[in-house]
Every structure is written in C-alpha cells, then in structure tokens.
PDB file of N, CA and C in Angstrom:
ATOM      1  N   UNK A   1      20.942-133.979 151.872  1.00  0.00           N
ATOM      2  CA  UNK A   1      21.287-132.864 152.744  1.00  0.00           C
ATOM      3  C   UNK A   1      22.044-133.387 153.962  1.00  0.00           C
ATOM      4  N   UNK A   2      23.064-132.683 154.318  1.00  0.00           N
ATOM      5  CA  UNK A   2      23.927-133.133 155.420  1.00  0.00           C
ATOM      6  C   UNK A   2      23.291-132.887 156.778  1.00  0.00           C
ATOM      7  N   UNK A   3      23.548-133.812 157.675  1.00  0.00           N
ATOM      8  CA  UNK A   3      23.161-133.686 159.065  1.00  0.00           C
ATOM      9  C   UNK A   3      23.799-132.401 159.621  1.00  0.00           C
ATOM     10  N   UNK A   4      23.058-131.651 160.417  1.00  0.00           N
ATOM     11  CA  UNK A   4      23.544-130.370 160.943  1.00  0.00           C
ATOM     12  C   UNK A   4      24.830-130.540 161.742  1.00  0.00           C
ATOM     13  N   UNK A   5      24.898-131.582 162.577  1.00  0.00           N
ATOM     14  CA  UNK A   5      26.103-131.799 163.374  1.00  0.00           C
ATOM     15  C   UNK A   5      27.309-132.109 162.498  1.00  0.00           C
ATOM     16  N   UNK A   6      27.120-132.934 161.481  1.00  0.00           N
ATOM     17  CA  UNK A   6      28.213-133.283 160.577  1.00  0.00           C
ATOM     18  C   UNK A   6      28.675-132.033 159.836  1.00  0.00           C
ATOM     19  N   UNK A   7      27.731-131.237 159.395  1.00  0.00           N
ATOM     20  CA  UNK A   7      28.069-130.003 158.681  1.00  0.00           C
ATOM     21  C   UNK A   7      28.891-129.078 159.576  1.00  0.00           C
ATOM     22  N   UNK A   8      28.477-128.918 160.817  1.00  0.00           N
ATOM     23  CA  UNK A   8      29.195-128.042 161.758  1.00  0.00           C
ATOM     24  C   UNK A   8      30.585-128.594 162.068  1.00  0.00           C
ATOM     25  N   UNK A   9      30.692-129.887 162.277  1.00  0.00           N
ATOM     26  CA  UNK A   9      31.991-130.501 162.541  1.00  0.00           C
ATOM     27  C   UNK A   9      32.921-130.354 161.340  1.00  0.00           C
ATOM     28  N   UNK A  10      32.374-130.519 160.153  1.00  0.00           N
ATOM     29  CA  UNK A  10      33.156-130.366 158.922  1.00  0.00           C
ATOM     30  C   UNK A  10      33.672-128.936 158.802  1.00  0.00           C
ATOM     31  N   UNK A  11      32.812-127.975 159.054  1.00  0.00           N
ATOM     32  CA  UNK A  11      33.214-126.567 158.954  1.00  0.00           C
ATOM     33  C   UNK A  11      34.270-126.219 160.008  1.00  0.00           C
ATOM     34  N   UNK A  12      34.231-126.879 161.159  1.00  0.00           N
ATOM     35  CA  UNK A  12      35.263-126.666 162.181  1.00  0.00           C
ATOM     36  C   UNK A  12      36.590-127.311 161.766  1.00  0.00           C
ATOM     37  N   UNK A  13      36.517-128.498 161.181  1.00  0.00           N
ATOM     38  CA  UNK A  13      37.728-129.231 160.800  1.00  0.00           C
ATOM     39  C   UNK A  13      38.409-128.611 159.582  1.00  0.00           C
ATOM     40  N   UNK A  14      37.623-128.180 158.614  1.00  0.00           N
ATOM     41  CA  UNK A  14      38.166-127.606 157.378  1.00  0.00           C
ATOM     42  C   UNK A  14      38.288-126.099 157.584  1.00  0.00           C
ATOM     43  N   UNK A  15      39.512-125.649 157.827  1.00  0.00           N
ATOM     44  CA  UNK A  15      39.714-124.222 158.087  1.00  0.00           C
ATOM     45  C   UNK A  15      40.327-123.483 156.902  1.00  0.00           C
ATOM     46  N   UNK A  16      40.440-124.166 155.767  1.00  0.00           N
ATOM     47  CA  UNK A  16      40.928-123.516 154.554  1.00  0.00           C
ATOM     48  C   UNK A  16      39.730-123.215 153.653  1.00  0.00           C
ATOM     49  N   UNK A  17      39.802-122.109 152.944  1.00  0.00           N
ATOM     50  CA  UNK A  17      38.742-121.784 151.995  1.00  0.00           C
ATOM     51  C   UNK A  17      38.922-122.632 150.741  1.00  0.00           C
ATOM     52  N   UNK A  18      37.899-122.668 149.909  1.00  0.00           N
ATOM     53  CA  UNK A  18      37.997-123.408 148.646  1.00  0.00           C
ATOM     54  C   UNK A  18      39.147-122.860 147.805  1.00  0.00           C
ATOM     55  N   UNK A  19      39.314-121.553 147.793  1.00  0.00           N
ATOM     56  CA  UNK A  19      40.402-120.934 147.031  1.00  0.00           C
ATOM     57  C   UNK A  19      41.772-121.302 147.569  1.00  0.00           C
ATOM     58  N   UNK A  20      41.925-121.257 148.890  1.00  0.00           N
ATOM     59  CA  UNK A  20      43.202-121.627 149.509  1.00  0.00           C
ATOM     60  C   UNK A  20      43.541-123.090 149.232  1.00  0.00           C
ATOM     61  N   UNK A  21      42.536-123.945 149.353  1.00  0.00           N
ATOM     62  CA  UNK A  21      42.754-125.373 149.149  1.00  0.00           C
ATOM     63  C   UNK A  21      43.073-125.667 147.684  1.00  0.00           C
ATOM     64  N   UNK A  22      42.381-125.038 146.780  1.00  0.00           N
ATOM     65  CA  UNK A  22      42.656-125.229 145.352  1.00  0.00           C
ATOM     66  C   UNK A  22      44.086-124.822 145.020  1.00  0.00           C
ATOM     67  N   UNK A  23      44.501-123.680 145.530  1.00  0.00           N
ATOM     68  CA  UNK A  23      45.867-123.207 145.296  1.00  0.00           C
ATOM     69  C   UNK A  23      46.873-124.201 145.879  1.00  0.00           C
ATOM     70  N   UNK A  24      46.637-124.663 147.098  1.00  0.00           N
ATOM     71  CA  UNK A  24      47.526-125.618 147.758  1.00  0.00           C
ATOM     72  C   UNK A  24      47.614-126.922 146.956  1.00  0.00           C
ATOM     73  N   UNK A  25      46.481-127.432 146.490  1.00  0.00           N
ATOM     74  CA  UNK A  25      46.464-128.698 145.761  1.00  0.00           C
ATOM     75  C   UNK A  25      47.247-128.624 144.450  1.00  0.00           C
ATOM     76  N   UNK A  26      47.484-127.428 143.958  1.00  0.00           N
ATOM     77  CA  UNK A  26      48.258-127.244 142.736  1.00  0.00           C
ATOM     78  C   UNK A  26      49.764-127.243 142.946  1.00  0.00           C
ATOM     79  N   UNK A  27      50.217-127.376 144.183  1.00  0.00           N
ATOM     80  CA  UNK A  27      51.651-127.312 144.472  1.00  0.00           C
ATOM     81  C   UNK A  27      52.301-128.704 144.448  1.00  0.00           C
ATOM     82  N   UNK A  28      53.600-128.706 144.204  1.00  0.00           N
ATOM     83  CA  UNK A  28      54.354-129.965 144.266  1.00  0.00           C
ATOM     84  C   UNK A  28      54.323-130.542 145.670  1.00  0.00           C
ATOM     85  N   UNK A  29      54.403-129.677 146.682  1.00  0.00           N
ATOM     86  CA  UNK A  29      54.397-130.136 148.071  1.00  0.00           C
ATOM     87  C   UNK A  29      53.124-130.920 148.396  1.00  0.00           C
ATOM     88  N   UNK A  30      52.008-130.480 147.842  1.00  0.00           N
ATOM     89  CA  UNK A  30      50.739-131.161 148.066  1.00  0.00           C
ATOM     90  C   UNK A  30      50.746-132.553 147.444  1.00  0.00           C
ATOM     91  N   UNK A  31      51.293-132.653 146.254  1.00  0.00           N
ATOM     92  CA  UNK A  31      51.296-133.933 145.542  1.00  0.00           C
ATOM     93  C   UNK A  31      52.323-134.920 146.083  1.00  0.00           C
ATOM     94  N   UNK A  32      53.293-134.436 146.861  1.00  0.00           N
ATOM     95  CA  UNK A  32      54.373-135.302 147.359  1.00  0.00           C
ATOM     96  C   UNK A  32      54.020-136.072 148.624  1.00  0.00           C
ATOM     97  N   UNK A  33      52.939-135.725 149.299  1.00  0.00           N
ATOM     98  CA  UNK A  33      52.611-136.396 150.567  1.00  0.00           C
ATOM     99  C   UNK A  33      51.382-137.274 150.419  1.00  0.00           C
ATOM    100  N   UNK A  34      51.281-138.223 151.319  1.00  0.00           N
ATOM    101  CA  UNK A  34      50.075-139.034 151.399  1.00  0.00           C
ATOM    102  C   UNK A  34      50.247-140.434 150.860  1.00  0.00           C
ATOM    103  N   UNK A  35      49.292-141.261 151.202  1.00  0.00           N
ATOM    104  CA  UNK A  35      49.271-142.660 150.810  1.00  0.00           C
ATOM    105  C   UNK A  35      48.753-142.774 149.379  1.00  0.00           C
ATOM    106  N   UNK A  36      49.501-143.510 148.548  1.00  0.00           N
ATOM    107  CA  UNK A  36      49.142-143.675 147.140  1.00  0.00           C
ATOM    108  C   UNK A  36      48.908-145.154 146.841  1.00  0.00           C
ATOM    109  N   UNK A  37      47.938-145.424 145.980  1.00  0.00           N
ATOM    110  CA  UNK A  37      47.636-146.806 145.595  1.00  0.00           C
ATOM    111  C   UNK A  37      48.793-147.414 144.801  1.00  0.00           C
ATOM    112  N   UNK A  38      49.439-146.586 143.978  1.00  0.00           N
ATOM    113  CA  UNK A  38      50.581-147.052 143.194  1.00  0.00           C
ATOM    114  C   UNK A  38      51.480-145.861 142.888  1.00  0.00           C
ATOM    115  N   UNK A  39      52.702-146.150 142.508  1.00  0.00           N
ATOM    116  CA  UNK A  39      53.663-145.083 142.192  1.00  0.00           C
ATOM    117  C   UNK A  39      53.090-144.191 141.094  1.00  0.00           C
ATOM    118  N   UNK A  40      53.180-142.903 141.315  1.00  0.00           N
ATOM    119  CA  UNK A  40      52.699-141.948 140.321  1.00  0.00           C
ATOM    120  C   UNK A  40      51.218-141.635 140.399  1.00  0.00           C
ATOM    121  N   UNK A  41      50.484-142.356 141.238  1.00  0.00           N
ATOM    122  CA  UNK A  41      49.043-142.086 141.347  1.00  0.00           C
ATOM    123  C   UNK A  41      48.786-140.969 142.354  1.00  0.00           C
ATOM    124  N   UNK A  42      47.573-140.479 142.342  1.00  0.00           N
ATOM    125  CA  UNK A  42      47.176-139.416 143.266  1.00  0.00           C
ATOM    126  C   UNK A  42      46.998-139.999 144.666  1.00  0.00           C
ATOM    127  N   UNK A  43      47.445-139.256 145.674  1.00  0.00           N
ATOM    128  CA  UNK A  43      47.282-139.731 147.050  1.00  0.00           C
ATOM    129  C   UNK A  43      45.819-139.630 147.473  1.00  0.00           C
ATOM    130  N   UNK A  44      45.487-140.389 148.491  1.00  0.00           N
ATOM    131  CA  UNK A  44      44.131-140.374 149.052  1.00  0.00           C
ATOM    132  C   UNK A  44      43.787-138.960 149.526  1.00  0.00           C
ATOM    133  N   UNK A  45      44.733-138.304 150.198  1.00  0.00           N
ATOM    134  CA  UNK A  45      44.491-136.959 150.711  1.00  0.00           C
ATOM    135  C   UNK A  45      44.306-135.929 149.610  1.00  0.00           C
ATOM    136  N   UNK A  46      45.062-136.045 148.535  1.00  0.00           N
ATOM    137  CA  UNK A  46      44.941-135.096 147.425  1.00  0.00           C
ATOM    138  C   UNK A  46      43.572-135.240 146.771  1.00  0.00           C
ATOM    139  N   UNK A  47      43.141-136.479 146.576  1.00  0.00           N
ATOM    140  CA  UNK A  47      41.808-136.736 146.036  1.00  0.00           C
ATOM    141  C   UNK A  47      40.744-136.177 146.983  1.00  0.00           C
ATOM    142  N   UNK A  48      40.954-136.375 148.275  1.00  0.00           N
ATOM    143  CA  UNK A  48      40.019-135.846 149.263  1.00  0.00           C
ATOM    144  C   UNK A  48      39.928-134.330 149.168  1.00  0.00           C
ATOM    145  N   UNK A  49      41.068-133.685 149.007  1.00  0.00           N
ATOM    146  CA  UNK A  49      41.083-132.225 148.884  1.00  0.00           C
ATOM    147  C   UNK A  49      40.232-131.733 147.721  1.00  0.00           C
ATOM    148  N   UNK A  50      40.303-132.446 146.594  1.00  0.00           N
ATOM    149  CA  UNK A  50      39.484-132.052 145.444  1.00  0.00           C
ATOM    150  C   UNK A  50      37.994-132.195 145.770  1.00  0.00           C
ATOM    151  N   UNK A  51      37.642-133.255 146.489  1.00  0.00           N
ATOM    152  CA  UNK A  51      36.244-133.456 146.890  1.00  0.00           C
ATOM    153  C   UNK A  51      35.803-132.369 147.873  1.00  0.00           C
ATOM    154  N   UNK A  52      36.703-131.993 148.777  1.00  0.00           N
ATOM    155  CA  UNK A  52      36.382-130.941 149.748  1.00  0.00           C
ATOM    156  C   UNK A  52      36.098-129.627 149.037  1.00  0.00           C
ATOM    157  N   UNK A  53      36.881-129.285 148.033  1.00  0.00           N
ATOM    158  CA  UNK A  53      36.646-128.058 147.265  1.00  0.00           C
ATOM    159  C   UNK A  53      35.242-128.091 146.672  1.00  0.00           C
ATOM    160  N   UNK A  54      34.835-129.237 146.123  1.00  0.00           N
ATOM    161  CA  UNK A  54      33.485-129.352 145.551  1.00  0.00           C
ATOM    162  C   UNK A  54      32.420-129.174 146.629  1.00  0.00           C
ATOM    163  N   UNK A  55      32.626-129.788 147.792  1.00  0.00           N
ATOM    164  CA  UNK A  55      31.659-129.667 148.885  1.00  0.00           C
ATOM    165  C   UNK A  55      31.551-128.222 149.349  1.00  0.00           C
ATOM    166  N   UNK A  56      32.691-127.544 149.471  1.00  0.00           N
ATOM    167  CA  UNK A  56      32.676-126.145 149.917  1.00  0.00           C
ATOM    168  C   UNK A  56      31.938-125.241 148.931  1.00  0.00           C
ATOM    169  N   UNK A  57      31.864-125.664 147.681  1.00  0.00           N
ATOM    170  CA  UNK A  57      31.185-124.875 146.664  1.00  0.00           C
ATOM    171  C   UNK A  57      29.680-125.099 146.608  1.00  0.00           C
ATOM    172  N   UNK A  58      29.174-125.995 147.444  1.00  0.00           N
ATOM    173  CA  UNK A  58      27.749-126.304 147.430  1.00  0.00           C
ATOM    174  C   UNK A  58      27.005-125.617 148.568  1.00  0.00           C
ATOM    175  N   UNK A  59      25.733-125.399 148.354  1.00  0.00           N
ATOM    176  CA  UNK A  59      24.861-124.957 149.433  1.00  0.00           C
ATOM    177  C   UNK A  59      24.548-126.190 150.286  1.00  0.00           C
ATOM    178  N   UNK A  60      24.321-125.968 151.553  1.00  0.00           N
ATOM    179  CA  UNK A  60      24.036-127.070 152.465  1.00  0.00           C
ATOM    180  C   UNK A  60      22.882-127.938 151.960  1.00  0.00           C
ATOM    181  N   UNK A  61      21.859-127.321 151.423  1.00  0.00           N
ATOM    182  CA  UNK A  61      20.690-128.056 150.938  1.00  0.00           C
ATOM    183  C   UNK A  61      21.013-128.941 149.732  1.00  0.00           C
ATOM    184  N   UNK A  62      22.119-128.664 149.041  1.00  0.00           N
ATOM    185  CA  UNK A  62      22.486-129.422 147.844  1.00  0.00           C
ATOM    186  C   UNK A  62      23.466-130.564 148.121  1.00  0.00           C
ATOM    187  N   UNK A  63      23.868-130.727 149.375  1.00  0.00           N
ATOM    188  CA  UNK A  63      24.810-131.790 149.705  1.00  0.00           C
ATOM    189  C   UNK A  63      24.147-133.160 149.574  1.00  0.00           C
ATOM    190  N   UNK A  64      24.888-134.106 149.046  1.00  0.00           N
ATOM    191  CA  UNK A  64      24.378-135.464 148.837  1.00  0.00           C
ATOM    192  C   UNK A  64      24.797-136.376 149.989  1.00  0.00           C
ATOM    193  N   UNK A  65      24.266-137.589 149.964  1.00  0.00           N
ATOM    194  CA  UNK A  65      24.681-138.586 150.957  1.00  0.00           C
ATOM    195  C   UNK A  65      26.172-138.879 150.813  1.00  0.00           C
ATOM    196  N   UNK A  66      26.672-138.913 149.578  1.00  0.00           N
ATOM    197  CA  UNK A  66      28.101-139.147 149.344  1.00  0.00           C
ATOM    198  C   UNK A  66      28.922-137.997 149.927  1.00  0.00           C
ATOM    199  N   UNK A  67      28.428-136.777 149.774  1.00  0.00           N
ATOM    200  CA  UNK A  67      29.118-135.626 150.373  1.00  0.00           C
ATOM    201  C   UNK A  67      29.176-135.775 151.885  1.00  0.00           C
ATOM    202  N   UNK A  68      28.065-136.176 152.474  1.00  0.00           N
ATOM    203  CA  UNK A  68      28.018-136.335 153.928  1.00  0.00           C
ATOM    204  C   UNK A  68      28.991-137.418 154.393  1.00  0.00           C
ATOM    205  N   UNK A  69      29.067-138.524 153.657  1.00  0.00           N
ATOM    206  CA  UNK A  69      30.020-139.582 154.018  1.00  0.00           C
ATOM    207  C   UNK A  69      31.445-139.048 153.951  1.00  0.00           C
ATOM    208  N   UNK A  70      31.740-138.256 152.916  1.00  0.00           N
ATOM    209  CA  UNK A  70      33.092-137.722 152.801  1.00  0.00           C
ATOM    210  C   UNK A  70      33.366-136.695 153.906  1.00  0.00           C
ATOM    211  N   UNK A  71      32.375-135.913 154.256  1.00  0.00           N
ATOM    212  CA  UNK A  71      32.539-134.942 155.334  1.00  0.00           C
ATOM    213  C   UNK A  71      32.885-135.658 156.643  1.00  0.00           C
ATOM    214  N   UNK A  72      32.230-136.773 156.908  1.00  0.00           N
ATOM    215  CA  UNK A  72      32.522-137.565 158.113  1.00  0.00           C
ATOM    216  C   UNK A  72      33.961-138.090 158.064  1.00  0.00           C
ATOM    217  N   UNK A  73      34.382-138.546 156.893  1.00  0.00           N
ATOM    218  CA  UNK A  73      35.744-139.058 156.715  1.00  0.00           C
ATOM    219  C   UNK A  73      36.765-137.951 156.985  1.00  0.00           C
ATOM    220  N   UNK A  74      36.489-136.759 156.480  1.00  0.00           N
ATOM    221  CA  UNK A  74      37.394-135.616 156.677  1.00  0.00           C
ATOM    222  C   UNK A  74      37.498-135.274 158.158  1.00  0.00           C
ATOM    223  N   UNK A  75      36.373-135.192 158.828  1.00  0.00           N
ATOM    224  CA  UNK A  75      36.362-134.860 160.260  1.00  0.00           C
ATOM    225  C   UNK A  75      37.182-135.889 161.042  1.00  0.00           C
ATOM    226  N   UNK A  76      36.995-137.163 160.759  1.00  0.00           N
ATOM    227  CA  UNK A  76      37.747-138.206 161.439  1.00  0.00           C
ATOM    228  C   UNK A  76      39.238-138.094 161.185  1.00  0.00           C
ATOM    229  N   UNK A  77      39.615-137.862 159.936  1.00  0.00           N
ATOM    230  CA  UNK A  77      41.032-137.740 159.595  1.00  0.00           C
ATOM    231  C   UNK A  77      41.665-136.560 160.320  1.00  0.00           C
ATOM    232  N   UNK A  78      41.018-135.410 160.235  1.00  0.00           N
ATOM    233  CA  UNK A  78      41.575-134.204 160.861  1.00  0.00           C
ATOM    234  C   UNK A  78      41.703-134.395 162.369  1.00  0.00           C
ATOM    235  N   UNK A  79      40.703-134.962 163.007  1.00  0.00           N
ATOM    236  CA  UNK A  79      40.767-135.182 164.461  1.00  0.00           C
ATOM    237  C   UNK A  79      41.894-136.148 164.834  1.00  0.00           C
ATOM    238  N   UNK A  80      42.010-137.251 164.102  1.00  0.00           N
ATOM    239  CA  UNK A  80      43.067-138.230 164.406  1.00  0.00           C
ATOM    240  C   UNK A  80      44.460-137.636 164.207  1.00  0.00           C
ATOM    241  N   UNK A  81      44.641-136.926 163.111  1.00  0.00           N
ATOM    242  CA  UNK A  81      45.985-136.451 162.790  1.00  0.00           C
ATOM    243  C   UNK A  81      46.395-135.208 163.576  1.00  0.00           C
ATOM    244  N   UNK A  82      45.467-134.369 163.939  1.00  0.00           N
ATOM    245  CA  UNK A  82      45.848-133.232 164.786  1.00  0.00           C
ATOM    246  C   UNK A  82      46.268-133.722 166.169  1.00  0.00           C
ATOM    247  N   UNK A  83      45.704-134.846 166.610  1.00  0.00           N
ATOM    248  CA  UNK A  83      46.091-135.416 167.902  1.00  0.00           C
ATOM    249  C   UNK A  83      47.513-135.987 167.869  1.00  0.00           C
ATOM    250  N   UNK A  84      48.063-136.192 166.682  1.00  0.00           N
ATOM    251  CA  UNK A  84      49.402-136.752 166.527  1.00  0.00           C
ATOM    252  C   UNK A  84      50.435-135.673 166.192  1.00  0.00           C
ATOM    253  N   UNK A  85      50.145-134.446 166.556  1.00  0.00           N
ATOM    254  CA  UNK A  85      51.039-133.327 166.235  1.00  0.00           C
ATOM    255  C   UNK A  85      52.461-133.609 166.738  1.00  0.00           C
ATOM    256  N   UNK A  86      53.439-133.483 165.850  1.00  0.00           N
ATOM    257  CA  UNK A  86      54.827-133.687 166.285  1.00  0.00           C
ATOM    258  C   UNK A  86      55.320-132.495 167.103  1.00  0.00           C
ATOM    259  N   UNK A  87      56.374-132.724 167.860  1.00  0.00           N
ATOM    260  CA  UNK A  87      56.983-131.644 168.638  1.00  0.00           C
ATOM    261  C   UNK A  87      57.703-130.672 167.710  1.00  0.00           C
ATOM    262  N   UNK A  88      57.868-129.463 168.193  1.00  0.00           N
ATOM    263  CA  UNK A  88      58.662-128.472 167.473  1.00  0.00           C
ATOM    264  C   UNK A  88      57.877-127.725 166.403  1.00  0.00           C
ATOM    265  N   UNK A  89      58.632-127.073 165.556  1.00  0.00           N
ATOM    266  CA  UNK A  89      58.059-126.273 164.475  1.00  0.00           C
ATOM    267  C   UNK A  89      57.511-127.202 163.395  1.00  0.00           C
ATOM    268  N   UNK A  90      56.229-127.089 163.114  1.00  0.00           N
ATOM    269  CA  UNK A  90      55.593-127.974 162.131  1.00  0.00           C
ATOM    270  C   UNK A  90      55.377-127.294 160.780  1.00  0.00           C
ATOM    271  N   UNK A  91      55.896-126.071 160.616  1.00  0.00           N
ATOM    272  CA  UNK A  91      55.619-125.311 159.398  1.00  0.00           C
ATOM    273  C   UNK A  91      55.948-126.054 158.115  1.00  0.00           C
ATOM    274  N   UNK A  92      57.067-126.768 158.105  1.00  0.00           N
ATOM    275  CA  UNK A  92      57.506-127.432 156.883  1.00  0.00           C
ATOM    276  C   UNK A  92      57.636-128.934 157.120  1.00  0.00           C
ATOM    277  N   UNK A  93      56.507-129.540 157.524  1.00  0.00           N
ATOM    278  CA  UNK A  93      56.526-130.979 157.803  1.00  0.00           C
ATOM    279  C   UNK A  93      55.529-131.713 156.921  1.00  0.00           C
ATOM    280  N   UNK A  94      55.798-132.970 156.709  1.00  0.00           N
ATOM    281  CA  UNK A  94      54.858-133.812 155.951  1.00  0.00           C
ATOM    282  C   UNK A  94      53.522-133.892 156.696  1.00  0.00           C
ATOM    283  N   UNK A  95      53.577-133.871 158.033  1.00  0.00           N
ATOM    284  CA  UNK A  95      52.363-133.910 158.849  1.00  0.00           C
ATOM    285  C   UNK A  95      51.442-132.745 158.494  1.00  0.00           C
ATOM    286  N   UNK A  96      51.996-131.538 158.444  1.00  0.00           N
ATOM    287  CA  UNK A  96      51.189-130.360 158.113  1.00  0.00           C
ATOM    288  C   UNK A  96      50.699-130.438 156.672  1.00  0.00           C
ATOM    289  N   UNK A  97      51.575-130.812 155.753  1.00  0.00           N
ATOM    290  CA  UNK A  97      51.187-130.852 154.335  1.00  0.00           C
ATOM    291  C   UNK A  97      50.078-131.869 154.111  1.00  0.00           C
ATOM    292  N   UNK A  98      50.150-132.993 154.803  1.00  0.00           N
ATOM    293  CA  UNK A  98      49.101-134.001 154.680  1.00  0.00           C
ATOM    294  C   UNK A  98      47.766-133.457 155.181  1.00  0.00           C
ATOM    295  N   UNK A  99      47.782-132.808 156.330  1.00  0.00           N
ATOM    296  CA  UNK A  99      46.539-132.211 156.860  1.00  0.00           C
ATOM    297  C   UNK A  99      45.986-131.150 155.911  1.00  0.00           C
ATOM    298  N   UNK A 100      46.868-130.396 155.304  1.00  0.00           N
ATOM    299  CA  UNK A 100      46.411-129.361 154.375  1.00  0.00           C
ATOM    300  C   UNK A 100      45.717-129.978 153.164  1.00  0.00           C
ATOM    301  N   UNK A 101      46.146-131.152 152.724  1.00  0.00           N
ATOM    302  CA  UNK A 101      45.439-131.829 151.634  1.00  0.00           C
ATOM    303  C   UNK A 101      44.004-132.145 152.024  1.00  0.00           C
ATOM    304  N   UNK A 102      43.775-132.282 153.316  1.00  0.00           N
ATOM    305  CA  UNK A 102      42.437-132.579 153.839  1.00  0.00           C
ATOM    306  C   UNK A 102      41.706-131.303 154.273  1.00  0.00           C
ATOM    307  N   UNK A 103      42.249-130.145 153.877  1.00  0.00           N
ATOM    308  CA  UNK A 103      41.563-128.880 154.129  1.00  0.00           C
ATOM    309  C   UNK A 103      41.831-128.233 155.465  1.00  0.00           C
ATOM    310  N   UNK A 104      42.792-128.765 156.218  1.00  0.00           N
ATOM    311  CA  UNK A 104      43.074-128.215 157.543  1.00  0.00           C
ATOM    312  C   UNK A 104      44.530-127.773 157.636  1.00  0.00           C
ATOM    313  N   UNK A 105      44.723-126.474 157.831  1.00  0.00           N
ATOM    314  CA  UNK A 105      46.075-125.958 158.060  1.00  0.00           C
ATOM    315  C   UNK A 105      46.228-125.745 159.557  1.00  0.00           C
ATOM    316  N   UNK A 106      47.057-126.572 160.221  1.00  0.00           N
ATOM    317  CA  UNK A 106      47.186-126.459 161.678  1.00  0.00           C
ATOM    318  C   UNK A 106      47.829-125.169 162.148  1.00  0.00           C
ATOM    319  N   UNK A 107      48.405-124.400 161.251  1.00  0.00           N
ATOM    320  CA  UNK A 107      49.007-123.114 161.631  1.00  0.00           C
ATOM    321  C   UNK A 107      48.039-121.948 161.461  1.00  0.00           C
ATOM    322  N   UNK A 108      46.903-122.212 160.856  1.00  0.00           N
ATOM    323  CA  UNK A 108      45.917-121.161 160.607  1.00  0.00           C
ATOM    324  C   UNK A 108      44.985-121.029 161.814  1.00  0.00           C
ATOM    325  N   UNK A 109      44.774-119.816 162.223  1.00  0.00           N
ATOM    326  CA  UNK A 109      43.870-119.562 163.359  1.00  0.00           C
ATOM    327  C   UNK A 109      42.520-119.141 162.867  1.00  0.00           C
TER     328      UNK A 109
END
C-alpha cells in the first residue's frame, strides 16, 4: 500500500486520466520522444506511461511497493521537467510530449 503523501503527490503530478494517457500512448508523437536504450526500442517515458495506466487502475489498498517506487519516480520526473518549461507556446513541443508520456499534460488545468 502506498504512503499517503506519495499517493497525494502522484495524483497531483499525474493530471491525465487512464483513458487519456492510454489514447496518448497510442500515438506516433508519444513514441517519438524520450530516451531509448537502443534504436527502435520503447522510451523510458513510454514504458512509464504504461505503468502509470496500471497504477491508476488500482485501488490504493492494492498498490505494491513497486507501484510506490514508480509513483515516486513519476513525481520526481514531473517536478524536474515542469521546472524546465521552455519559453513561448509549448503546445507542440517535445518537452510537452515527454511530460505527457509521464501522465502530465502541462496545458491541462
């Protein structure tokens, strides 16, 4: 079961629903961004997005230690990368697409 603070921070950082994230992960734009271990492999962020969808589908009481570790990783990533927001319109940037792979759309209120 996840620590209450980690759960709350995760829910604040991940502002996309499981459905929105699943739809996004199915796009070419989602697969084109992020750090990859090798050419043609899945990016770290895309893999993270799939894990986030699974976490969002669980009840808090069913979260595992591995889920909690991933939730902490997501919170850290979202906090670091939102602090690096580029100037200007970010609607169609790799920065935004990368964050969206991690469940955070910086344009969503």
